[in-house]
Amino acid sequence: MVKTEPTIPESIDSDAIEIAEPVTPTDASVPDESSHPARDFLVNLAVIIGLSAVTAAGVQHLMSSTLETPSRAPGLLMVDTERLAREAIDALGDLVAQNKLPSEDMPERSRQFSEGLLREIQAYAARGHVVLRSAAVLAAPAEVRDITDEVREQLLQQGLMDRKPETRREGY
């Protein structure tokens, strides 16, 4: 196959080319100047306000989902575990002294009390609370609730403590 070079016509027939006349704008293609400038201003203002409102709503929606704080911070609670343990040991000691509990059962009852106390504290944590030992809290705002009495009542109902704090020995 032989390649051929494109050829340029030797002469262009100038009679074959027609030059178009310039187009003049007609009345339909040129917009009239507005006869109501106040109305046009108000329409433009309404459009700008509408677009601004849509933009602001979109930004607020996007920003609130990215910068949102947790819906509820965990509640802080405190419990006096030392006092509860002391009350339980005092009650067990009284039962042993009154021969209502054999002394060899005291370690097992102490272990059951400790496990029950931990279960109660973990139940509060499972409900979204942070439970602090009151001995470790130097100062706390009023919102930090002391649940020592509530925990004591639960342990008494479960039979893991043998008496209420009103009957404990003095001097402790």
C-alpha atoms as a PDB file:
ATOM      1  CA  MET A   1       0.000   0.000   0.000  1.00  0.00           C
ATOM      2  CA  VAL A   2       1.380   3.334  -1.026  1.00  0.00           C
ATOM      3  CA  LYS A   3       0.934   6.392   1.122  1.00  0.00           C
ATOM      4  CA  THR A   4      -0.214   9.528  -0.550  1.00  0.00           C
ATOM      5  CA  GLU A   5       0.227  12.990   0.804  1.00  0.00           C
ATOM      6  CA  PRO A   6      -2.876  15.104   1.214  1.00  0.00           C
ATOM      7  CA  THR A   7      -2.985  17.758  -1.411  1.00  0.00           C
ATOM      8  CA  ILE A   8      -3.894  21.376  -1.065  1.00  0.00           C
ATOM      9  CA  PRO A   9      -6.173  22.652  -3.762  1.00  0.00           C
ATOM     10  CA  GLU A  10      -4.262  24.749  -6.201  1.00  0.00           C
ATOM     11  CA  SER A  11      -6.879  27.355  -6.398  1.00  0.00           C
ATOM     12  CA  ILE A  12      -9.928  28.146  -4.384  1.00  0.00           C
ATOM     13  CA  ASP A  13     -12.881  29.352  -6.290  1.00  0.00           C
ATOM     14  CA  SER A  14     -13.727  32.642  -4.597  1.00  0.00           C
ATOM     15  CA  ASP A  15     -17.159  32.674  -6.194  1.00  0.00           C
ATOM     16  CA  ALA A  16     -18.089  29.454  -4.395  1.00  0.00           C
ATOM     17  CA  ILE A  17     -17.590  30.962  -0.918  1.00  0.00           C
ATOM     18  CA  GLU A  18     -20.407  33.050   0.434  1.00  0.00           C
ATOM     19  CA  ILE A  19     -19.774  35.488   3.228  1.00  0.00           C
ATOM     20  CA  ALA A  20     -22.636  35.788   5.655  1.00  0.00           C
ATOM     21  CA  GLU A  21     -24.013  39.129   6.579  1.00  0.00           C
ATOM     22  CA  PRO A  22     -23.507  40.178  10.223  1.00  0.00           C
ATOM     23  CA  VAL A  23     -26.451  39.380  12.468  1.00  0.00           C
ATOM     24  CA  THR A  24     -28.112  42.324  14.068  1.00  0.00           C
ATOM     25  CA  PRO A  25     -29.941  41.735  17.318  1.00  0.00           C
ATOM     26  CA  THR A  26     -33.677  41.843  17.136  1.00  0.00           C
ATOM     27  CA  ASP A  27     -36.005  43.208  19.748  1.00  0.00           C
ATOM     28  CA  ALA A  28     -36.808  39.688  20.975  1.00  0.00           C
ATOM     29  CA  SER A  29     -33.169  38.847  21.741  1.00  0.00           C
ATOM     30  CA  VAL A  30     -32.386  41.970  23.800  1.00  0.00           C
ATOM     31  CA  PRO A  31     -33.999  42.022  27.241  1.00  0.00           C
ATOM     32  CA  ASP A  32     -35.924  45.098  28.135  1.00  0.00           C
ATOM     33  CA  GLU A  33     -34.809  47.096  31.071  1.00  0.00           C
ATOM     34  CA  SER A  34     -36.994  46.311  34.058  1.00  0.00           C
ATOM     35  CA  SER A  35     -39.834  48.629  34.657  1.00  0.00           C
ATOM     36  CA  HIS A  36     -40.120  47.401  38.330  1.00  0.00           C
ATOM     37  CA  PRO A  37     -36.711  47.748  40.040  1.00  0.00           C
ATOM     38  CA  ALA A  38     -38.185  47.508  43.571  1.00  0.00           C
ATOM     39  CA  ARG A  39     -39.935  44.231  42.726  1.00  0.00           C
ATOM     40  CA  ASP A  40     -36.768  42.819  41.163  1.00  0.00           C
ATOM     41  CA  PHE A  41     -34.780  43.791  44.254  1.00  0.00           C
ATOM     42  CA  LEU A  42     -37.276  42.057  46.534  1.00  0.00           C
ATOM     43  CA  VAL A  43     -37.276  38.911  44.389  1.00  0.00           C
ATOM     44  CA  ASN A  44     -33.473  38.802  44.424  1.00  0.00           C
ATOM     45  CA  LEU A  45     -33.469  39.431  48.174  1.00  0.00           C
ATOM     46  CA  ALA A  46     -35.958  36.594  48.748  1.00  0.00           C
ATOM     47  CA  VAL A  47     -33.846  34.212  46.664  1.00  0.00           C
ATOM     48  CA  ILE A  48     -30.681  35.154  48.563  1.00  0.00           C
ATOM     49  CA  ILE A  49     -32.413  34.746  51.946  1.00  0.00           C
ATOM     50  CA  GLY A  50     -33.817  31.371  50.894  1.00  0.00           C
ATOM     51  CA  LEU A  51     -30.440  30.098  49.720  1.00  0.00           C
ATOM     52  CA  SER A  52     -28.812  31.394  52.912  1.00  0.00           C
ATOM     53  CA  ALA A  53     -31.383  29.596  55.068  1.00  0.00           C
ATOM     54  CA  VAL A  54     -30.893  26.315  53.198  1.00  0.00           C
ATOM     55  CA  THR A  55     -27.109  26.651  53.479  1.00  0.00           C
ATOM     56  CA  ALA A  56     -27.285  27.467  57.198  1.00  0.00           C
ATOM     57  CA  ALA A  57     -29.566  24.489  57.855  1.00  0.00           C
ATOM     58  CA  GLY A  58     -27.216  22.181  55.966  1.00  0.00           C
ATOM     59  CA  VAL A  59     -24.155  23.434  57.821  1.00  0.00           C
ATOM     60  CA  GLN A  60     -25.933  23.141  61.167  1.00  0.00           C
ATOM     61  CA  HIS A  61     -27.017  19.573  60.393  1.00  0.00           C
ATOM     62  CA  LEU A  62     -23.532  18.525  59.322  1.00  0.00           C
ATOM     63  CA  MET A  63     -21.758  20.289  62.178  1.00  0.00           C
ATOM     64  CA  SER A  64     -24.104  19.015  64.871  1.00  0.00           C
ATOM     65  CA  SER A  65     -23.493  15.418  63.840  1.00  0.00           C
ATOM     66  CA  THR A  66     -19.712  15.840  63.797  1.00  0.00           C
ATOM     67  CA  LEU A  67     -19.299  17.996  66.903  1.00  0.00           C
ATOM     68  CA  GLU A  68     -22.054  16.448  69.014  1.00  0.00           C
ATOM     69  CA  THR A  69     -21.145  15.594  72.583  1.00  0.00           C
ATOM     70  CA  PRO A  70     -22.397  12.359  74.066  1.00  0.00           C
ATOM     71  CA  SER A  71     -26.066  12.541  74.861  1.00  0.00           C
ATOM     72  CA  ARG A  72     -25.515  11.698  78.501  1.00  0.00           C
ATOM     73  CA  ALA A  73     -22.318  11.630  80.449  1.00  0.00           C
ATOM     74  CA  PRO A  74     -22.075   8.747  82.874  1.00  0.00           C
ATOM     75  CA  GLY A  75     -23.451   9.549  86.306  1.00  0.00           C
ATOM     76  CA  LEU A  76     -20.962   9.558  89.137  1.00  0.00           C
ATOM     77  CA  LEU A  77     -21.872   7.632  92.282  1.00  0.00           C
ATOM     78  CA  MET A  78     -19.927   6.777  95.390  1.00  0.00           C
ATOM     79  CA  VAL A  79     -20.194   3.979  97.917  1.00  0.00           C
ATOM     80  CA  ASP A  80     -18.503   3.529 101.290  1.00  0.00           C
ATOM     81  CA  THR A  81     -17.243  -0.037 100.822  1.00  0.00           C
ATOM     82  CA  GLU A  82     -15.131   0.097 103.986  1.00  0.00           C
ATOM     83  CA  ARG A  83     -18.146   0.930 106.137  1.00  0.00           C
ATOM     84  CA  LEU A  84     -20.228  -1.833 104.539  1.00  0.00           C
ATOM     85  CA  ALA A  85     -17.429  -4.368 105.024  1.00  0.00           C
ATOM     86  CA  ARG A  86     -16.938  -3.283 108.640  1.00  0.00           C
ATOM     87  CA  GLU A  87     -20.687  -3.619 109.307  1.00  0.00           C
ATOM     88  CA  ALA A  88     -20.768  -7.082 107.731  1.00  0.00           C
ATOM     89  CA  ILE A  89     -17.732  -8.288 109.709  1.00  0.00           C
ATOM     90  CA  ASP A  90     -19.181  -6.844 112.944  1.00  0.00           C
ATOM     91  CA  ALA A  91     -22.474  -8.633 112.316  1.00  0.00           C
ATOM     92  CA  LEU A  92     -20.705 -11.925 111.589  1.00  0.00           C
ATOM     93  CA  GLY A  93     -18.552 -11.481 114.715  1.00  0.00           C
ATOM     94  CA  ASP A  94     -21.691 -10.919 116.802  1.00  0.00           C
ATOM     95  CA  LEU A  95     -23.282 -14.077 115.367  1.00  0.00           C
ATOM     96  CA  VAL A  96     -20.148 -16.089 116.187  1.00  0.00           C
ATOM     97  CA  ALA A  97     -20.034 -14.591 119.722  1.00  0.00           C
ATOM     98  CA  GLN A  98     -23.688 -15.531 120.265  1.00  0.00           C
ATOM     99  CA  ASN A  99     -23.010 -19.078 118.965  1.00  0.00           C
ATOM    100  CA  LYS A 100     -25.497 -18.494 116.106  1.00  0.00           C
ATOM    101  CA  LEU A 101     -22.775 -19.032 113.499  1.00  0.00           C
ATOM    102  CA  PRO A 102     -19.864 -21.465 113.684  1.00  0.00           C
ATOM    103  CA  SER A 103     -16.544 -19.614 113.445  1.00  0.00           C
ATOM    104  CA  GLU A 104     -15.416 -21.838 110.537  1.00  0.00           C
ATOM    105  CA  ASP A 105     -18.345 -20.445 108.448  1.00  0.00           C
ATOM    106  CA  MET A 106     -17.167 -16.849 108.853  1.00  0.00           C
ATOM    107  CA  PRO A 107     -14.624 -16.854 105.955  1.00  0.00           C
ATOM    108  CA  GLU A 108     -17.200 -18.296 103.522  1.00  0.00           C
ATOM    109  CA  ARG A 109     -19.836 -15.760 104.592  1.00  0.00           C
ATOM    110  CA  SER A 110     -17.258 -12.970 104.193  1.00  0.00           C
ATOM    111  CA  ARG A 111     -16.455 -14.179 100.679  1.00  0.00           C
ATOM    112  CA  GLN A 112     -20.176 -14.276  99.781  1.00  0.00           C
ATOM    113  CA  PHE A 113     -20.598 -10.736 101.106  1.00  0.00           C
ATOM    114  CA  SER A 114     -17.621  -9.497  99.049  1.00  0.00           C
ATOM    115  CA  GLU A 115     -18.945 -11.119  95.872  1.00  0.00           C
ATOM    116  CA  GLY A 116     -22.421  -9.679  96.483  1.00  0.00           C
ATOM    117  CA  LEU A 117     -20.987  -6.208  97.079  1.00  0.00           C
ATOM    118  CA  LEU A 118     -19.026  -6.375  93.819  1.00  0.00           C
ATOM    119  CA  ARG A 119     -22.136  -7.586  91.942  1.00  0.00           C
ATOM    120  CA  GLU A 120     -24.155  -4.640  93.251  1.00  0.00           C
ATOM    121  CA  ILE A 121     -21.458  -2.151  92.251  1.00  0.00           C
ATOM    122  CA  GLN A 122     -21.141  -3.747  88.803  1.00  0.00           C
ATOM    123  CA  ALA A 123     -24.926  -3.536  88.373  1.00  0.00           C
ATOM    124  CA  TYR A 124     -24.702   0.244  88.761  1.00  0.00           C
ATOM    125  CA  ALA A 125     -21.829   0.337  86.263  1.00  0.00           C
ATOM    126  CA  ALA A 126     -23.883  -1.733  83.803  1.00  0.00           C
ATOM    127  CA  ARG A 127     -26.559   0.982  83.948  1.00  0.00           C
ATOM    128  CA  GLY A 128     -23.987   3.570  82.806  1.00  0.00           C
ATOM    129  CA  HIS A 129     -22.736   4.890  86.145  1.00  0.00           C
ATOM    130  CA  VAL A 130     -19.198   5.323  87.394  1.00  0.00           C
ATOM    131  CA  VAL A 131     -18.996   4.087  90.989  1.00  0.00           C
ATOM    132  CA  LEU A 132     -16.247   5.576  93.165  1.00  0.00           C
ATOM    133  CA  ARG A 133     -15.037   4.455  96.586  1.00  0.00           C
ATOM    134  CA  SER A 134     -16.032   7.243  98.956  1.00  0.00           C
ATOM    135  CA  ALA A 135     -12.721   6.873 100.826  1.00  0.00           C
ATOM    136  CA  ALA A 136     -10.937   7.936  97.629  1.00  0.00           C
ATOM    137  CA  VAL A 137     -13.167  10.993  97.051  1.00  0.00           C
ATOM    138  CA  LEU A 138     -11.876  14.135  98.757  1.00  0.00           C
ATOM    139  CA  ALA A 139     -14.600  16.430  97.448  1.00  0.00           C
ATOM    140  CA  ALA A 140     -17.501  15.993  95.073  1.00  0.00           C
ATOM    141  CA  PRO A 141     -20.330  18.135  93.727  1.00  0.00           C
ATOM    142  CA  ALA A 142     -23.852  17.566  94.999  1.00  0.00           C
ATOM    143  CA  GLU A 143     -24.711  15.585  91.845  1.00  0.00           C
ATOM    144  CA  VAL A 144     -22.432  12.739  92.978  1.00  0.00           C
ATOM    145  CA  ARG A 145     -24.864  10.553  94.884  1.00  0.00           C
ATOM    146  CA  ASP A 146     -23.856   8.295  97.788  1.00  0.00           C
ATOM    147  CA  ILE A 147     -25.426   4.863  97.222  1.00  0.00           C
ATOM    148  CA  THR A 148     -24.087   3.194 100.378  1.00  0.00           C
ATOM    149  CA  ASP A 149     -27.553   2.865 101.953  1.00  0.00           C
ATOM    150  CA  GLU A 150     -29.071   1.498  98.727  1.00  0.00           C
ATOM    151  CA  VAL A 151     -26.324  -1.104  98.379  1.00  0.00           C
ATOM    152  CA  ARG A 152     -26.703  -2.057 102.055  1.00  0.00           C
ATOM    153  CA  GLU A 153     -30.455  -2.607 101.566  1.00  0.00           C
ATOM    154  CA  GLN A 154     -29.808  -4.831  98.547  1.00  0.00           C
ATOM    155  CA  LEU A 155     -27.260  -6.895 100.477  1.00  0.00           C
ATOM    156  CA  LEU A 156     -29.658  -7.238 103.429  1.00  0.00           C
ATOM    157  CA  GLN A 157     -32.464  -8.389 101.105  1.00  0.00           C
ATOM    158  CA  GLN A 158     -30.148 -10.972  99.539  1.00  0.00           C
ATOM    159  CA  GLY A 159     -29.152 -12.274 102.980  1.00  0.00           C
ATOM    160  CA  LEU A 160     -25.511 -11.278 102.512  1.00  0.00           C
ATOM    161  CA  MET A 161     -25.567  -8.915 105.515  1.00  0.00           C
ATOM    162  CA  ASP A 162     -27.140  -9.869 108.800  1.00  0.00           C
ATOM    163  CA  ARG A 163     -28.245  -6.603 110.338  1.00  0.00           C
ATOM    164  CA  LYS A 164     -28.879  -2.959 109.712  1.00  0.00           C
ATOM    165  CA  PRO A 165     -26.344  -0.259 110.639  1.00  0.00           C
ATOM    166  CA  GLU A 166     -28.444   1.088 113.555  1.00  0.00           C
ATOM    167  CA  THR A 167     -27.477  -1.978 115.652  1.00  0.00           C
ATOM    168  CA  ARG A 168     -23.741  -1.876 115.027  1.00  0.00           C
ATOM    169  CA  ARG A 169     -21.347  -1.524 117.932  1.00  0.00           C
ATOM    170  CA  GLU A 170     -20.200   1.932 118.955  1.00  0.00           C
ATOM    171  CA  GLY A 171     -16.608   3.055 118.619  1.00  0.00           C
ATOM    172  CA  TYR A 172     -16.075   2.101 114.975  1.00  0.00           C
END
